[in-house]
Amino acid sequence: MRLVIDTNVLIAAFIAHGVCNELLEHCVLNHDVVLSKFILDELKDKLAGKFKFTTQEANAAVRLLKSRCSIVATQTLPSPVSRDPDDDNIIATALSGNCECIITGDKDLLDLEKVGDITIASPVQFWEIETT
């Protein structure tokens, strides 16, 4: 399955060993994880800013993801889909990457549930999909 992992799930995967960390490892091994420059830039900025990673550590996280994930160029959506313009970048990544799923902890995205054929699921919901 082709899927997008939202920045908030990636951050959780890099700052703590738990559900999101296990989910990232599982998805990289068993699926085609699709990311974009927007997601990678946001990840690097949040890790280095809010979570006090060094620039080298944040860059290493981005390099690791680039080596294991597909990176797609995105186009601007013709009209807003989500209440948060940043979330439209996540949706654009999924559309550009022909993805079936977005994994996110973002309430605005989760409230949408689906965009076209793309299912929007929390990490816990995705695990349920994977194990059924």
Protein backbone atom coordinates (compact mmCIF):
# COMPACT_ATOMS: atom_id res chain seq x y z
CA MET A 1 0.00 0.00 0.00
CA ARG A 2 1.16 3.53 -0.74
CA LEU A 3 0.63 5.82 2.22
CA VAL A 4 1.58 9.17 3.72
CA ILE A 5 2.70 9.49 7.32
CA ASP A 6 1.89 12.98 8.58
CA THR A 7 4.55 15.10 10.24
CA ASN A 8 3.03 14.76 13.73
CA VAL A 9 3.33 10.95 13.57
CA LEU A 10 6.90 11.20 12.26
CA ILE A 11 7.82 13.55 15.11
CA ALA A 12 6.38 11.13 17.65
CA ALA A 13 8.33 8.31 16.00
CA PHE A 14 11.61 10.20 16.38
CA ILE A 15 11.13 11.54 19.90
CA ALA A 16 9.78 8.43 21.69
CA HIS A 17 9.77 4.66 21.39
CA GLY A 18 6.13 3.66 21.20
CA VAL A 19 3.23 3.20 18.81
CA CYS A 20 4.39 5.78 16.26
CA ASN A 21 7.97 4.50 16.26
CA GLU A 22 6.77 0.92 15.70
CA LEU A 23 4.30 2.12 13.08
CA LEU A 24 7.01 3.95 11.11
CA GLU A 25 9.26 0.89 11.16
CA HIS A 26 6.38 -1.38 10.10
CA CYS A 27 5.30 0.93 7.27
CA VAL A 28 8.83 1.40 5.91
CA LEU A 29 9.29 -2.38 5.82
CA ASN A 30 5.85 -3.36 4.50
CA HIS A 31 4.49 -0.42 2.51
CA ASP A 32 5.58 2.37 0.22
CA VAL A 33 5.77 5.45 2.44
CA VAL A 34 5.35 8.65 0.43
CA LEU A 35 6.59 12.00 1.71
CA SER A 36 7.11 15.48 0.24
CA LYS A 37 9.48 18.39 0.68
CA PHE A 38 6.80 20.10 2.78
CA ILE A 39 6.64 17.17 5.23
CA LEU A 40 10.42 16.83 5.45
CA ASP A 41 10.94 20.58 5.94
CA GLU A 42 8.22 20.72 8.60
CA LEU A 43 9.74 17.70 10.37
CA LYS A 44 13.22 19.23 10.37
CA ASP A 45 11.93 22.60 11.60
CA LYS A 46 9.87 21.09 14.45
CA LEU A 47 12.59 18.68 15.56
CA ALA A 48 15.21 21.44 15.65
CA GLY A 49 12.92 24.11 17.08
CA LYS A 50 10.29 22.74 19.41
CA PHE A 51 12.05 19.49 20.32
CA LYS A 52 15.61 20.89 20.59
CA PHE A 53 17.28 18.42 18.23
CA THR A 54 20.59 19.68 16.95
CA THR A 55 20.66 20.69 13.29
CA GLN A 56 22.76 17.58 12.62
CA GLU A 57 20.22 15.30 14.35
CA ALA A 58 17.27 16.84 12.49
CA ASN A 59 19.14 16.56 9.18
CA ALA A 60 19.99 12.92 9.97
CA ALA A 61 16.30 12.14 10.53
CA VAL A 62 15.43 13.68 7.16
CA ARG A 63 18.27 11.81 5.42
CA LEU A 64 17.06 8.53 6.94
CA LEU A 65 13.52 9.09 5.69
CA LYS A 66 14.75 10.12 2.23
CA SER A 67 16.68 6.85 2.02
CA ARG A 68 13.65 4.72 2.92
CA CYS A 69 10.66 6.61 1.49
CA SER A 70 9.42 7.87 -1.85
CA ILE A 71 9.57 11.65 -2.15
CA VAL A 72 7.01 13.25 -4.47
CA ALA A 73 6.64 16.73 -5.86
CA THR A 74 3.24 18.13 -4.99
CA GLN A 75 0.94 20.52 -6.73
CA THR A 76 -1.34 23.02 -5.04
CA LEU A 77 -4.88 21.74 -4.60
CA PRO A 78 -7.43 23.51 -6.82
CA SER A 79 -9.42 24.48 -3.73
CA PRO A 80 -8.96 24.07 0.04
CA VAL A 81 -10.00 20.71 1.47
CA SER A 82 -9.11 21.08 5.15
CA ARG A 83 -9.65 23.86 7.68
CA ASP A 84 -5.86 24.15 8.05
CA PRO A 85 -3.91 25.14 4.91
CA ASP A 86 -0.90 23.10 6.10
CA ASP A 87 -3.11 20.00 6.09
CA ASP A 88 -3.84 20.58 2.42
CA ASN A 89 -0.11 20.00 1.83
CA ILE A 90 -0.48 16.55 3.41
CA ILE A 91 -3.50 15.80 1.23
CA ALA A 92 -1.63 17.07 -1.85
CA THR A 93 1.23 14.71 -0.99
CA ALA A 94 -1.16 11.76 -0.83
CA LEU A 95 -2.86 12.72 -4.10
CA SER A 96 0.45 13.32 -5.89
CA GLY A 97 1.77 9.98 -4.62
CA ASN A 98 -1.36 8.01 -5.58
CA CYS A 99 -1.72 6.93 -1.95
CA GLU A 100 -4.49 4.92 -0.36
CA CYS A 101 -4.04 6.20 3.18
CA ILE A 102 -2.85 9.12 5.30
CA ILE A 103 -1.76 8.26 8.85
CA THR A 104 -2.13 11.27 11.13
CA GLY A 105 -2.88 12.44 14.62
CA ASP A 106 -4.25 15.75 13.32
CA LYS A 107 -7.89 16.21 14.33
CA ASP A 108 -8.72 18.41 11.33
CA LEU A 109 -7.55 15.68 8.95
CA LEU A 110 -9.10 12.86 10.97
CA ASP A 111 -12.47 14.65 10.90
CA LEU A 112 -12.41 14.36 7.08
CA GLU A 113 -12.14 10.53 7.31
CA LYS A 114 -11.66 10.27 3.53
CA VAL A 115 -10.59 12.46 0.64
CA GLY A 116 -11.63 10.78 -2.60
CA ASP A 117 -10.31 7.22 -2.30
CA ILE A 118 -7.77 8.13 0.40
CA THR A 119 -8.58 6.88 3.88
CA ILE A 120 -7.43 9.12 6.73
CA ALA A 121 -6.57 7.12 9.85
CA SER A 122 -4.96 7.65 13.22
CA PRO A 123 -1.99 5.44 14.09
CA VAL A 124 -4.26 3.24 16.23
CA GLN A 125 -6.87 2.99 13.45
CA PHE A 126 -4.16 2.05 10.95
CA TRP A 127 -2.90 -0.74 13.24
CA GLU A 128 -6.48 -2.05 13.39
CA ILE A 129 -6.63 -2.05 9.57
CA GLU A 130 -3.30 -3.89 9.42
CA THR A 131 -4.27 -6.58 11.91
CA THR A 132 -7.74 -7.40 10.56
